[in-house]
């Protein structure tokens, strides 16, 4: 089984599309764990609609709604989901992103074929309506820790871990800005490589007003990771940042 972990904070505009993209997967041995992180909109009501539908079908545990109760952010919400996961595999999906129907099937086939613990896929940028805009991000076959410091191509909504190999503690996310990237680096630094399936199986919705759309914030976050999380020297940080910037621009043009 694949446990799909989704942190939810005021995602009412998009959450139905996101949930439907999981429900529509060709591979159906999944559980969906949605973790509400202090939402003040109608996110919870919309999620409960899907839960009730599966309860009527006799599958009350197919979709679960958990609540952090504290509003500590996405890292804490994902960690709550990780701890509740029951599947062999854990996949992450953000509350405004969308999976193509073949995503889980193709990624699982790829992961089992190569026998690796950490995989990710390509993706396509989408507009606020969730419509692809033909900007596709290609990914390398593999990436190690040193390479990942210079190229943040691993996108959260494409990541899947094999929990027969990794522990939940290893993939717990630290409560720092860009906690997802910090987590990938943590796993890679422990000796693993991440393996990429170069197919755009996720639509990455770029919503106005989101942190990911704020370039200044993104720069501050990556620099903080270099200096205060990875404790790289000033020179090494600057060297990695140059490559990071080139790759980041390349993904957006």
C-alpha atoms as a PDB file:
ATOM      1  CA  UNK A   1       0.000   0.000   0.000  1.00  0.00           C
ATOM      2  CA  UNK A   2       1.055   3.573  -0.690  1.00  0.00           C
ATOM      3  CA  UNK A   3       0.301   6.119   2.028  1.00  0.00           C
ATOM      4  CA  UNK A   4      -0.308   9.543   0.516  1.00  0.00           C
ATOM      5  CA  UNK A   5       0.364  12.397   2.954  1.00  0.00           C
ATOM      6  CA  UNK A   6      -1.202  15.819   2.295  1.00  0.00           C
ATOM      7  CA  UNK A   7      -0.782  18.815   4.638  1.00  0.00           C
ATOM      8  CA  UNK A   8      -3.814  21.104   4.467  1.00  0.00           C
ATOM      9  CA  UNK A   9      -3.927  24.781   5.411  1.00  0.00           C
ATOM     10  CA  UNK A  10      -6.709  26.923   3.952  1.00  0.00           C
ATOM     11  CA  UNK A  11      -6.691  24.859   0.759  1.00  0.00           C
ATOM     12  CA  UNK A  12     -10.430  24.988   0.100  1.00  0.00           C
ATOM     13  CA  UNK A  13      -9.959  26.408  -3.396  1.00  0.00           C
ATOM     14  CA  UNK A  14      -7.945  23.442  -4.563  1.00  0.00           C
ATOM     15  CA  UNK A  15      -8.348  20.475  -2.232  1.00  0.00           C
ATOM     16  CA  UNK A  16     -11.172  18.793  -4.156  1.00  0.00           C
ATOM     17  CA  UNK A  17      -9.078  18.660  -7.336  1.00  0.00           C
ATOM     18  CA  UNK A  18      -6.159  17.263  -5.364  1.00  0.00           C
ATOM     19  CA  UNK A  19      -8.236  14.546  -3.694  1.00  0.00           C
ATOM     20  CA  UNK A  20      -9.908  13.577  -6.963  1.00  0.00           C
ATOM     21  CA  UNK A  21      -6.488  13.165  -8.567  1.00  0.00           C
ATOM     22  CA  UNK A  22      -5.671  10.535  -5.932  1.00  0.00           C
ATOM     23  CA  UNK A  23      -9.039   8.823  -6.209  1.00  0.00           C
ATOM     24  CA  UNK A  24      -8.550   8.627  -9.995  1.00  0.00           C
ATOM     25  CA  UNK A  25      -5.221   6.806  -9.783  1.00  0.00           C
ATOM     26  CA  UNK A  26      -4.852   3.683 -11.907  1.00  0.00           C
ATOM     27  CA  UNK A  27      -3.110   2.080  -8.927  1.00  0.00           C
ATOM     28  CA  UNK A  28      -5.727   1.772  -6.211  1.00  0.00           C
ATOM     29  CA  UNK A  29      -3.885   0.268  -3.223  1.00  0.00           C
ATOM     30  CA  UNK A  30      -3.482   3.577  -1.431  1.00  0.00           C
ATOM     31  CA  UNK A  31      -4.601   5.387   1.686  1.00  0.00           C
ATOM     32  CA  UNK A  32      -4.981   9.150   1.732  1.00  0.00           C
ATOM     33  CA  UNK A  33      -3.976  10.945   4.930  1.00  0.00           C
ATOM     34  CA  UNK A  34      -4.979  14.603   4.999  1.00  0.00           C
ATOM     35  CA  UNK A  35      -3.586  16.589   7.922  1.00  0.00           C
ATOM     36  CA  UNK A  36      -5.448  19.782   8.734  1.00  0.00           C
ATOM     37  CA  UNK A  37      -3.122  22.472   9.994  1.00  0.00           C
ATOM     38  CA  UNK A  38      -5.368  25.096  11.552  1.00  0.00           C
ATOM     39  CA  UNK A  39      -7.446  25.839   8.448  1.00  0.00           C
ATOM     40  CA  UNK A  40      -9.944  28.684   8.766  1.00  0.00           C
ATOM     41  CA  UNK A  41     -11.729  28.117   5.453  1.00  0.00           C
ATOM     42  CA  UNK A  42     -13.952  25.271   4.186  1.00  0.00           C
ATOM     43  CA  UNK A  43     -11.124  22.766   3.644  1.00  0.00           C
ATOM     44  CA  UNK A  44     -12.320  20.386   6.374  1.00  0.00           C
ATOM     45  CA  UNK A  45     -15.928  20.370   5.180  1.00  0.00           C
ATOM     46  CA  UNK A  46     -14.824  19.513   1.645  1.00  0.00           C
ATOM     47  CA  UNK A  47     -12.566  16.726   2.864  1.00  0.00           C
ATOM     48  CA  UNK A  48     -15.308  15.224   4.985  1.00  0.00           C
ATOM     49  CA  UNK A  49     -17.512  14.922   1.900  1.00  0.00           C
ATOM     50  CA  UNK A  50     -15.014  12.470   0.379  1.00  0.00           C
ATOM     51  CA  UNK A  51     -14.569  10.601   3.659  1.00  0.00           C
ATOM     52  CA  UNK A  52     -18.313  10.106   3.997  1.00  0.00           C
ATOM     53  CA  UNK A  53     -18.513   8.829   0.432  1.00  0.00           C
ATOM     54  CA  UNK A  54     -15.912   6.139   1.140  1.00  0.00           C
ATOM     55  CA  UNK A  55     -17.623   5.252   4.418  1.00  0.00           C
ATOM     56  CA  UNK A  56     -20.796   4.564   2.433  1.00  0.00           C
ATOM     57  CA  UNK A  57     -18.722   2.283   0.209  1.00  0.00           C
ATOM     58  CA  UNK A  58     -17.544   0.338   3.258  1.00  0.00           C
ATOM     59  CA  UNK A  59     -14.005   1.767   3.169  1.00  0.00           C
ATOM     60  CA  UNK A  60     -13.888   4.070   6.202  1.00  0.00           C
ATOM     61  CA  UNK A  61     -10.082   4.044   6.402  1.00  0.00           C
ATOM     62  CA  UNK A  62      -9.391   4.828   2.731  1.00  0.00           C
ATOM     63  CA  UNK A  63      -9.319   8.571   3.400  1.00  0.00           C
ATOM     64  CA  UNK A  64      -8.454   9.888   6.838  1.00  0.00           C
ATOM     65  CA  UNK A  65      -8.498  13.400   8.240  1.00  0.00           C
ATOM     66  CA  UNK A  66      -6.123  14.218  11.069  1.00  0.00           C
ATOM     67  CA  UNK A  67      -5.727  17.525  12.857  1.00  0.00           C
ATOM     68  CA  UNK A  68      -2.523  19.024  14.226  1.00  0.00           C
ATOM     69  CA  UNK A  69      -4.473  21.463  16.380  1.00  0.00           C
ATOM     70  CA  UNK A  70      -1.531  23.814  16.547  1.00  0.00           C
ATOM     71  CA  UNK A  71      -0.897  25.517  13.202  1.00  0.00           C
ATOM     72  CA  UNK A  72       2.845  24.837  13.336  1.00  0.00           C
ATOM     73  CA  UNK A  73       3.197  24.521   9.580  1.00  0.00           C
ATOM     74  CA  UNK A  74       3.673  22.015   6.775  1.00  0.00           C
ATOM     75  CA  UNK A  75       6.641  20.180   8.298  1.00  0.00           C
ATOM     76  CA  UNK A  76       4.763  19.302  11.468  1.00  0.00           C
ATOM     77  CA  UNK A  77       1.638  18.397   9.489  1.00  0.00           C
ATOM     78  CA  UNK A  78       3.581  16.058   7.210  1.00  0.00           C
ATOM     79  CA  UNK A  79       5.264  14.466  10.230  1.00  0.00           C
ATOM     80  CA  UNK A  80       1.850  13.760  11.761  1.00  0.00           C
ATOM     81  CA  UNK A  81       0.878  12.095   8.491  1.00  0.00           C
ATOM     82  CA  UNK A  82       4.111  10.128   8.310  1.00  0.00           C
ATOM     83  CA  UNK A  83       3.593   8.778  11.825  1.00  0.00           C
ATOM     84  CA  UNK A  84       0.030   7.696  10.953  1.00  0.00           C
ATOM     85  CA  UNK A  85       0.985   6.036   7.655  1.00  0.00           C
ATOM     86  CA  UNK A  86       0.443   2.286   7.364  1.00  0.00           C
ATOM     87  CA  UNK A  87       1.714   1.635   3.848  1.00  0.00           C
ATOM     88  CA  UNK A  88       5.021   0.229   2.721  1.00  0.00           C
ATOM     89  CA  UNK A  89       5.494   3.354   0.641  1.00  0.00           C
ATOM     90  CA  UNK A  90       4.960   6.989   1.628  1.00  0.00           C
ATOM     91  CA  UNK A  91       4.253   9.577  -1.075  1.00  0.00           C
ATOM     92  CA  UNK A  92       3.827  13.311  -0.585  1.00  0.00           C
ATOM     93  CA  UNK A  93       1.305  15.550  -2.292  1.00  0.00           C
ATOM     94  CA  UNK A  94       0.709  19.228  -1.630  1.00  0.00           C
ATOM     95  CA  UNK A  95      -2.888  20.378  -1.202  1.00  0.00           C
ATOM     96  CA  UNK A  96      -2.940  22.396  -4.417  1.00  0.00           C
ATOM     97  CA  UNK A  97      -1.117  19.994  -6.741  1.00  0.00           C
ATOM     98  CA  UNK A  98      -2.570  17.351  -9.042  1.00  0.00           C
ATOM     99  CA  UNK A  99      -1.381  13.881 -10.027  1.00  0.00           C
ATOM    100  CA  UNK A 100      -1.841  12.372 -13.453  1.00  0.00           C
ATOM    101  CA  UNK A 101      -3.888   9.118 -13.253  1.00  0.00           C
ATOM    102  CA  UNK A 102      -0.847   6.934 -14.012  1.00  0.00           C
ATOM    103  CA  UNK A 103       1.435   8.593 -11.451  1.00  0.00           C
ATOM    104  CA  UNK A 104       1.398   6.040  -8.644  1.00  0.00           C
ATOM    105  CA  UNK A 105       1.365   3.045 -10.991  1.00  0.00           C
ATOM    106  CA  UNK A 106       4.320   4.213 -13.048  1.00  0.00           C
ATOM    107  CA  UNK A 107       6.366   5.386 -10.083  1.00  0.00           C
ATOM    108  CA  UNK A 108       5.788   2.184  -8.135  1.00  0.00           C
ATOM    109  CA  UNK A 109       6.745   0.068 -11.167  1.00  0.00           C
ATOM    110  CA  UNK A 110       9.886   2.178 -11.565  1.00  0.00           C
ATOM    111  CA  UNK A 111      10.776   1.991  -7.878  1.00  0.00           C
ATOM    112  CA  UNK A 112      10.318  -1.761  -7.663  1.00  0.00           C
ATOM    113  CA  UNK A 113      12.235  -2.341 -10.896  1.00  0.00           C
ATOM    114  CA  UNK A 114      15.333  -0.451  -9.742  1.00  0.00           C
ATOM    115  CA  UNK A 115      14.988  -1.476  -6.086  1.00  0.00           C
ATOM    116  CA  UNK A 116      15.706   1.956  -4.626  1.00  0.00           C
ATOM    117  CA  UNK A 117      14.378   3.597  -1.451  1.00  0.00           C
ATOM    118  CA  UNK A 118      13.940   7.163  -2.744  1.00  0.00           C
ATOM    119  CA  UNK A 119      12.346   8.126  -6.060  1.00  0.00           C
ATOM    120  CA  UNK A 120      10.891  11.252  -7.621  1.00  0.00           C
ATOM    121  CA  UNK A 121       9.477  12.190 -11.013  1.00  0.00           C
ATOM    122  CA  UNK A 122       9.305  15.015 -13.495  1.00  0.00           C
ATOM    123  CA  UNK A 123       6.464  17.493 -13.367  1.00  0.00           C
ATOM    124  CA  UNK A 124       4.696  20.223 -15.303  1.00  0.00           C
ATOM    125  CA  UNK A 125       3.919  23.743 -14.174  1.00  0.00           C
ATOM    126  CA  UNK A 126       0.202  24.579 -14.131  1.00  0.00           C
ATOM    127  CA  UNK A 127      -1.808  27.754 -13.791  1.00  0.00           C
ATOM    128  CA  UNK A 128      -4.164  28.555 -10.908  1.00  0.00           C
ATOM    129  CA  UNK A 129      -6.892  26.491 -12.575  1.00  0.00           C
ATOM    130  CA  UNK A 130      -4.672  23.402 -12.555  1.00  0.00           C
ATOM    131  CA  UNK A 131      -4.155  23.460 -16.326  1.00  0.00           C
ATOM    132  CA  UNK A 132      -0.689  22.561 -17.566  1.00  0.00           C
ATOM    133  CA  UNK A 133       1.185  25.367 -19.302  1.00  0.00           C
ATOM    134  CA  UNK A 134       3.637  23.152 -21.235  1.00  0.00           C
ATOM    135  CA  UNK A 135       6.597  23.969 -19.010  1.00  0.00           C
ATOM    136  CA  UNK A 136       7.908  20.538 -18.163  1.00  0.00           C
ATOM    137  CA  UNK A 137      10.721  19.922 -15.701  1.00  0.00           C
ATOM    138  CA  UNK A 138      12.973  17.063 -16.728  1.00  0.00           C
ATOM    139  CA  UNK A 139      14.787  15.132 -14.005  1.00  0.00           C
ATOM    140  CA  UNK A 140      18.040  13.158 -13.964  1.00  0.00           C
ATOM    141  CA  UNK A 141      18.126   9.400 -13.513  1.00  0.00           C
ATOM    142  CA  UNK A 142      19.823   9.836 -10.158  1.00  0.00           C
ATOM    143  CA  UNK A 143      21.043  12.580  -7.861  1.00  0.00           C
ATOM    144  CA  UNK A 144      23.250  12.376  -4.777  1.00  0.00           C
ATOM    145  CA  UNK A 145      23.764  14.745  -1.876  1.00  0.00           C
ATOM    146  CA  UNK A 146      26.520  16.803  -3.488  1.00  0.00           C
ATOM    147  CA  UNK A 147      24.506  17.213  -6.682  1.00  0.00           C
ATOM    148  CA  UNK A 148      21.290  18.034  -4.821  1.00  0.00           C
ATOM    149  CA  UNK A 149      22.960  20.965  -3.059  1.00  0.00           C
ATOM    150  CA  UNK A 150      23.304  22.580  -6.487  1.00  0.00           C
ATOM    151  CA  UNK A 151      20.012  21.491  -8.005  1.00  0.00           C
ATOM    152  CA  UNK A 152      16.708  21.536  -6.123  1.00  0.00           C
ATOM    153  CA  UNK A 153      14.940  19.604  -8.866  1.00  0.00           C
ATOM    154  CA  UNK A 154      13.300  17.178  -6.407  1.00  0.00           C
ATOM    155  CA  UNK A 155       9.743  18.440  -6.072  1.00  0.00           C
ATOM    156  CA  UNK A 156       7.746  17.433  -2.991  1.00  0.00           C
ATOM    157  CA  UNK A 157       4.620  16.220  -4.772  1.00  0.00           C
ATOM    158  CA  UNK A 158       6.687  13.739  -6.793  1.00  0.00           C
ATOM    159  CA  UNK A 159       8.599  12.058  -3.943  1.00  0.00           C
ATOM    160  CA  UNK A 160       8.040   8.491  -2.758  1.00  0.00           C
ATOM    161  CA  UNK A 161       9.949   6.555  -0.088  1.00  0.00           C
ATOM    162  CA  UNK A 162      10.170   2.803   0.532  1.00  0.00           C
ATOM    163  CA  UNK A 163       9.615   2.378   4.255  1.00  0.00           C
ATOM    164  CA  UNK A 164      10.960  -1.179   4.179  1.00  0.00           C
ATOM    165  CA  UNK A 165      14.354   0.501   3.741  1.00  0.00           C
ATOM    166  CA  UNK A 166      14.015   3.878   5.442  1.00  0.00           C
ATOM    167  CA  UNK A 167      12.662   4.660   8.900  1.00  0.00           C
ATOM    168  CA  UNK A 168      10.023   7.255   9.666  1.00  0.00           C
ATOM    169  CA  UNK A 169      12.552   9.116  11.757  1.00  0.00           C
ATOM    170  CA  UNK A 170      14.810   9.446   8.699  1.00  0.00           C
ATOM    171  CA  UNK A 171      12.090  11.193   6.682  1.00  0.00           C
ATOM    172  CA  UNK A 172      10.672  13.363   9.462  1.00  0.00           C
ATOM    173  CA  UNK A 173      10.846  16.960   8.308  1.00  0.00           C
ATOM    174  CA  UNK A 174      12.654  19.615  10.366  1.00  0.00           C
ATOM    175  CA  UNK A 175      10.751  22.770  11.232  1.00  0.00           C
ATOM    176  CA  UNK A 176      12.833  25.092   9.085  1.00  0.00           C
ATOM    177  CA  UNK A 177      11.987  27.086   5.956  1.00  0.00           C
ATOM    178  CA  UNK A 178      12.066  24.767   2.901  1.00  0.00           C
ATOM    179  CA  UNK A 179      11.681  21.769   5.192  1.00  0.00           C
ATOM    180  CA  UNK A 180      11.093  19.473   2.228  1.00  0.00           C
ATOM    181  CA  UNK A 181      14.432  20.248   0.580  1.00  0.00           C
ATOM    182  CA  UNK A 182      16.145  19.923   3.967  1.00  0.00           C
ATOM    183  CA  UNK A 183      14.611  16.454   4.289  1.00  0.00           C
ATOM    184  CA  UNK A 184      15.773  15.286   0.877  1.00  0.00           C
ATOM    185  CA  UNK A 185      19.279  16.462   1.714  1.00  0.00           C
ATOM    186  CA  UNK A 186      19.139  14.681   5.066  1.00  0.00           C
ATOM    187  CA  UNK A 187      18.252  11.369   3.438  1.00  0.00           C
ATOM    188  CA  UNK A 188      20.815  11.818   0.664  1.00  0.00           C
ATOM    189  CA  UNK A 189      23.510  12.812   3.142  1.00  0.00           C
ATOM    190  CA  UNK A 190      22.987   9.522   4.970  1.00  0.00           C
ATOM    191  CA  UNK A 191      24.249   7.665   1.901  1.00  0.00           C
ATOM    192  CA  UNK A 192      21.253   7.181  -0.378  1.00  0.00           C
ATOM    193  CA  UNK A 193      20.704   8.543  -3.864  1.00  0.00           C
ATOM    194  CA  UNK A 194      17.379   9.727  -5.239  1.00  0.00           C
ATOM    195  CA  UNK A 195      16.280   8.155  -8.511  1.00  0.00           C
ATOM    196  CA  UNK A 196      14.279  10.109 -11.056  1.00  0.00           C
ATOM    197  CA  UNK A 197      11.551   8.916 -13.389  1.00  0.00           C
ATOM    198  CA  UNK A 198      11.681  11.453 -16.192  1.00  0.00           C
ATOM    199  CA  UNK A 199       7.963  11.681 -16.839  1.00  0.00           C
ATOM    200  CA  UNK A 200       5.781  14.726 -15.978  1.00  0.00           C
ATOM    201  CA  UNK A 201       3.341  12.911 -13.704  1.00  0.00           C
ATOM    202  CA  UNK A 202       2.437  15.852 -11.457  1.00  0.00           C
ATOM    203  CA  UNK A 203       0.918  19.253 -12.155  1.00  0.00           C
ATOM    204  CA  UNK A 204       2.598  21.877  -9.977  1.00  0.00           C
ATOM    205  CA  UNK A 205       0.067  24.631  -9.490  1.00  0.00           C
ATOM    206  CA  UNK A 206       1.735  28.030  -9.221  1.00  0.00           C
ATOM    207  CA  UNK A 207      -0.727  30.144  -7.276  1.00  0.00           C
ATOM    208  CA  UNK A 208      -0.226  33.858  -6.848  1.00  0.00           C
ATOM    209  CA  UNK A 209       0.624  34.741  -3.264  1.00  0.00           C
ATOM    210  CA  UNK A 210       2.188  31.385  -2.384  1.00  0.00           C
ATOM    211  CA  UNK A 211       5.645  31.301  -0.814  1.00  0.00           C
ATOM    212  CA  UNK A 212       6.981  29.244  -3.703  1.00  0.00           C
ATOM    213  CA  UNK A 213       6.082  32.071  -6.100  1.00  0.00           C
ATOM    214  CA  UNK A 214       8.058  34.618  -4.087  1.00  0.00           C
ATOM    215  CA  UNK A 215      11.584  34.565  -5.520  1.00  0.00           C
ATOM    216  CA  UNK A 216      13.089  36.639  -2.725  1.00  0.00           C
ATOM    217  CA  UNK A 217      11.749  34.232  -0.108  1.00  0.00           C
ATOM    218  CA  UNK A 218      13.051  31.255  -2.093  1.00  0.00           C
ATOM    219  CA  UNK A 219      16.536  32.763  -2.206  1.00  0.00           C
ATOM    220  CA  UNK A 220      16.530  33.483   1.522  1.00  0.00           C
ATOM    221  CA  UNK A 221      15.385  29.963   2.268  1.00  0.00           C
ATOM    222  CA  UNK A 222      18.011  28.187   0.194  1.00  0.00           C
ATOM    223  CA  UNK A 223      20.757  30.381   1.649  1.00  0.00           C
ATOM    224  CA  UNK A 224      19.543  29.607   5.158  1.00  0.00           C
ATOM    225  CA  UNK A 225      19.694  25.889   4.368  1.00  0.00           C
ATOM    226  CA  UNK A 226      23.273  26.176   3.156  1.00  0.00           C
ATOM    227  CA  UNK A 227      24.525  28.199   6.080  1.00  0.00           C
ATOM    228  CA  UNK A 228      22.398  27.236   9.075  1.00  0.00           C
ATOM    229  CA  UNK A 229      21.166  23.713   8.334  1.00  0.00           C
ATOM    230  CA  UNK A 230      23.980  22.163   6.273  1.00  0.00           C
ATOM    231  CA  UNK A 231      26.588  24.459   7.871  1.00  0.00           C
ATOM    232  CA  UNK A 232      28.457  24.987   4.618  1.00  0.00           C
ATOM    233  CA  UNK A 233      31.228  27.552   4.479  1.00  0.00           C
ATOM    234  CA  UNK A 234      30.529  30.921   2.901  1.00  0.00           C
ATOM    235  CA  UNK A 235      32.555  29.973  -0.167  1.00  0.00           C
ATOM    236  CA  UNK A 236      30.893  26.566  -0.563  1.00  0.00           C
ATOM    237  CA  UNK A 237      27.468  28.142  -0.057  1.00  0.00           C
ATOM    238  CA  UNK A 238      28.135  30.737  -2.740  1.00  0.00           C
ATOM    239  CA  UNK A 239      29.441  28.071  -5.132  1.00  0.00           C
ATOM    240  CA  UNK A 240      26.355  25.883  -4.661  1.00  0.00           C
ATOM    241  CA  UNK A 241      24.064  28.893  -4.914  1.00  0.00           C
ATOM    242  CA  UNK A 242      25.367  29.802  -8.359  1.00  0.00           C
ATOM    243  CA  UNK A 243      24.386  26.371  -9.680  1.00  0.00           C
ATOM    244  CA  UNK A 244      21.083  26.468  -7.788  1.00  0.00           C
ATOM    245  CA  UNK A 245      20.199  29.792  -9.420  1.00  0.00           C
ATOM    246  CA  UNK A 246      21.041  28.559 -12.920  1.00  0.00           C
ATOM    247  CA  UNK A 247      18.912  25.428 -12.482  1.00  0.00           C
ATOM    248  CA  UNK A 248      16.057  27.394 -10.898  1.00  0.00           C
ATOM    249  CA  UNK A 249      15.923  29.857 -13.762  1.00  0.00           C
ATOM    250  CA  UNK A 250      16.112  27.018 -16.270  1.00  0.00           C
ATOM    251  CA  UNK A 251      13.021  25.383 -14.778  1.00  0.00           C
ATOM    252  CA  UNK A 252      10.983  28.564 -15.192  1.00  0.00           C
ATOM    253  CA  UNK A 253      11.801  29.611 -18.755  1.00  0.00           C
END
